[in-house]
C-alpha atoms as a PDB file:
ATOM      1  CA  MET A   1     -26.559  18.980   9.989  1.00  0.00           C
ATOM      2  CA  ALA A   2     -27.555  15.500  11.553  1.00  0.00           C
ATOM      3  CA  ALA A   3     -28.428  14.069   8.401  1.00  0.00           C
ATOM      4  CA  VAL A   4     -24.905  14.925   7.188  1.00  0.00           C
ATOM      5  CA  ALA A   5     -23.727  13.201  10.003  1.00  0.00           C
ATOM      6  CA  VAL A   6     -25.548  10.198   9.462  1.00  0.00           C
ATOM      7  CA  VAL A   7     -24.372   9.999   5.935  1.00  0.00           C
ATOM      8  CA  CYS A   8     -20.840  10.322   6.570  1.00  0.00           C
ATOM      9  CA  LEU A   9     -20.203   8.811   9.582  1.00  0.00           C
ATOM     10  CA  PRO A  10     -20.583   5.186   7.960  1.00  0.00           C
ATOM     11  CA  LEU A  11     -18.607   6.175   5.074  1.00  0.00           C
ATOM     12  CA  ALA A  12     -15.616   7.363   7.223  1.00  0.00           C
ATOM     13  CA  ALA A  13     -16.007   3.967   9.405  1.00  0.00           C
ATOM     14  CA  ASN A  14     -15.915   2.181   5.755  1.00  0.00           C
ATOM     15  CA  ALA A  15     -12.448   4.087   4.977  1.00  0.00           C
ATOM     16  CA  GLN A  16     -11.064   3.295   8.301  1.00  0.00           C
ATOM     17  CA  GLN A  17     -11.646  -0.388   7.804  1.00  0.00           C
ATOM     18  CA  ASP A  18     -10.371  -0.642   4.212  1.00  0.00           C
ATOM     19  CA  ARG A  19      -7.000   1.470   5.455  1.00  0.00           C
ATOM     20  CA  ARG A  20      -6.859  -0.860   8.661  1.00  0.00           C
ATOM     21  CA  ALA A  21      -7.091  -4.004   6.178  1.00  0.00           C
ATOM     22  CA  ALA A  22      -4.779  -2.707   3.646  1.00  0.00           C
ATOM     23  CA  ASP A  23      -2.020  -1.930   6.449  1.00  0.00           C
ATOM     24  CA  LEU A  24      -2.642  -5.627   7.702  1.00  0.00           C
ATOM     25  CA  GLN A  25      -1.768  -6.544   4.169  1.00  0.00           C
ATOM     26  CA  TYR A  26       1.214  -4.726   3.749  1.00  0.00           C
ATOM     27  CA  CYS A  27       2.478  -5.893   7.436  1.00  0.00           C
ATOM     28  CA  ALA A  28       1.931  -9.206   6.440  1.00  0.00           C
ATOM     29  CA  ARG A  29       4.149  -8.552   3.004  1.00  0.00           C
ATOM     30  CA  LEU A  30       6.842  -7.141   5.223  1.00  0.00           C
ATOM     31  CA  SER A  31       6.829  -9.957   7.540  1.00  0.00           C
ATOM     32  CA  ASP A  32       7.012 -12.255   4.805  1.00  0.00           C
ATOM     33  CA  LEU A  33      10.367 -10.556   3.401  1.00  0.00           C
ATOM     34  CA  TYR A  34      12.053  -9.984   6.707  1.00  0.00           C
ATOM     35  CA  VAL A  35      11.598 -13.694   7.721  1.00  0.00           C
ATOM     36  CA  ARG A  36      12.517 -15.036   4.358  1.00  0.00           C
ATOM     37  CA  TYR A  37      15.884 -12.844   3.535  1.00  0.00           C
ATOM     38  CA  VAL A  38      16.886 -11.054   6.676  1.00  0.00           C
ATOM     39  CA  GLY A  39      15.792 -12.676   9.846  1.00  0.00           C
ATOM     40  CA  ARG A  40      17.510 -15.657   8.539  1.00  0.00           C
ATOM     41  CA  SER A  41      21.293 -16.168   9.291  1.00  0.00           C
ATOM     42  CA  GLU A  42      23.293 -16.974   5.922  1.00  0.00           C
ATOM     43  CA  ALA A  43      25.549 -19.079   7.838  1.00  0.00           C
ATOM     44  CA  GLY A  44      22.889 -21.876   8.645  1.00  0.00           C
ATOM     45  CA  PRO A  45      20.522 -22.899  11.691  1.00  0.00           C
ATOM     46  CA  ASN A  46      23.894 -24.082  14.129  1.00  0.00           C
ATOM     47  CA  ALA A  47      25.607 -20.812  13.483  1.00  0.00           C
ATOM     48  CA  PRO A  48      25.903 -18.699  16.570  1.00  0.00           C
ATOM     49  CA  VAL A  49      23.903 -15.679  15.774  1.00  0.00           C
ATOM     50  CA  ARG A  50      22.308 -13.335  17.870  1.00  0.00           C
ATOM     51  CA  PRO A  51      18.615 -12.839  17.248  1.00  0.00           C
ATOM     52  CA  ASP A  52      17.337  -9.513  16.371  1.00  0.00           C
ATOM     53  CA  VAL A  53      15.025  -8.644  19.286  1.00  0.00           C
ATOM     54  CA  ASN A  54      13.651  -5.390  17.191  1.00  0.00           C
ATOM     55  CA  GLY A  55      13.099  -7.822  14.008  1.00  0.00           C
ATOM     56  CA  GLY A  56      10.990 -10.380  16.270  1.00  0.00           C
ATOM     57  CA  VAL A  57       8.969  -7.800  18.310  1.00  0.00           C
ATOM     58  CA  ALA A  58       7.804  -6.110  15.016  1.00  0.00           C
ATOM     59  CA  LEU A  59       7.088  -9.437  14.042  1.00  0.00           C
ATOM     60  CA  ALA A  60       4.573 -10.081  17.011  1.00  0.00           C
ATOM     61  CA  LYS A  61       3.393  -6.810  16.421  1.00  0.00           C
ATOM     62  CA  CYS A  62       2.166  -7.120  13.074  1.00  0.00           C
ATOM     63  CA  LYS A  63       0.603 -10.443  14.347  1.00  0.00           C
ATOM     64  CA  GLU A  64      -1.103  -8.586  17.018  1.00  0.00           C
ATOM     65  CA  GLY A  65      -2.543  -6.072  14.290  1.00  0.00           C
ATOM     66  CA  ASP A  66      -0.513  -3.437  15.816  1.00  0.00           C
ATOM     67  CA  THR A  67       0.797  -1.923  12.227  1.00  0.00           C
ATOM     68  CA  ALA A  68       1.873   1.564  13.563  1.00  0.00           C
ATOM     69  CA  THR A  69       4.385  -0.061  15.786  1.00  0.00           C
ATOM     70  CA  ALA A  70       5.556  -3.050  13.385  1.00  0.00           C
ATOM     71  CA  ILE A  71       5.773  -1.517   9.708  1.00  0.00           C
ATOM     72  CA  PRO A  72       8.117   1.506  10.485  1.00  0.00           C
ATOM     73  CA  ILE A  73      10.654  -1.364  12.229  1.00  0.00           C
ATOM     74  CA  LEU A  74      10.074  -3.839   9.314  1.00  0.00           C
ATOM     75  CA  GLU A  75      10.497  -1.225   6.792  1.00  0.00           C
ATOM     76  CA  ARG A  76      13.913   0.058   8.343  1.00  0.00           C
ATOM     77  CA  LYS A  77      15.443  -3.451   8.675  1.00  0.00           C
ATOM     78  CA  LEU A  78      14.294  -4.515   4.938  1.00  0.00           C
ATOM     79  CA  VAL A  79      15.875  -0.992   3.549  1.00  0.00           C
ATOM     80  CA  ASN A  80      18.725  -1.283   5.641  1.00  0.00           C
ATOM     81  CA  ALA A  81      19.379  -4.729   4.067  1.00  0.00           C
ATOM     82  CA  GLY A  82      19.080  -3.422   0.615  1.00  0.00           C
ATOM     83  CA  PHE A  83      15.845  -4.390  -0.363  1.00  0.00           C
ATOM     84  CA  THR A  84      13.191  -2.166  -2.167  1.00  0.00           C
ATOM     85  CA  LEU A  85       9.987  -1.840  -0.508  1.00  0.00           C
ATOM     86  CA  PRO A  86       7.012  -3.390  -1.744  1.00  0.00           C
ATOM     87  CA  ALA A  87       4.325  -0.836  -3.121  1.00  0.00           C
ATOM     88  CA  ARG A  88       2.009  -0.191  -0.516  1.00  0.00           C
ATOM     89  CA  GLY A  89      -1.593  -0.397  -0.752  1.00  0.00           C
END
């Protein structure tokens, strides 16, 4: 039983690292789309626009590596703006 654990443990750790890297990459893609198309005002930089606090928090969480918090918020913001989400992974 110990031999199985010795073999499986590194595989599980590697799978977790791969998933985390994929989540970070997906979060970065969502952040780019959000900043480029949703998080800016179409009226221009001088227009009185209320900042989207939730969007800003999601961008910060993504940069911190907290993809579990950031991804759902960014996905919702993009879908609500009419975007098709990029492929994940």
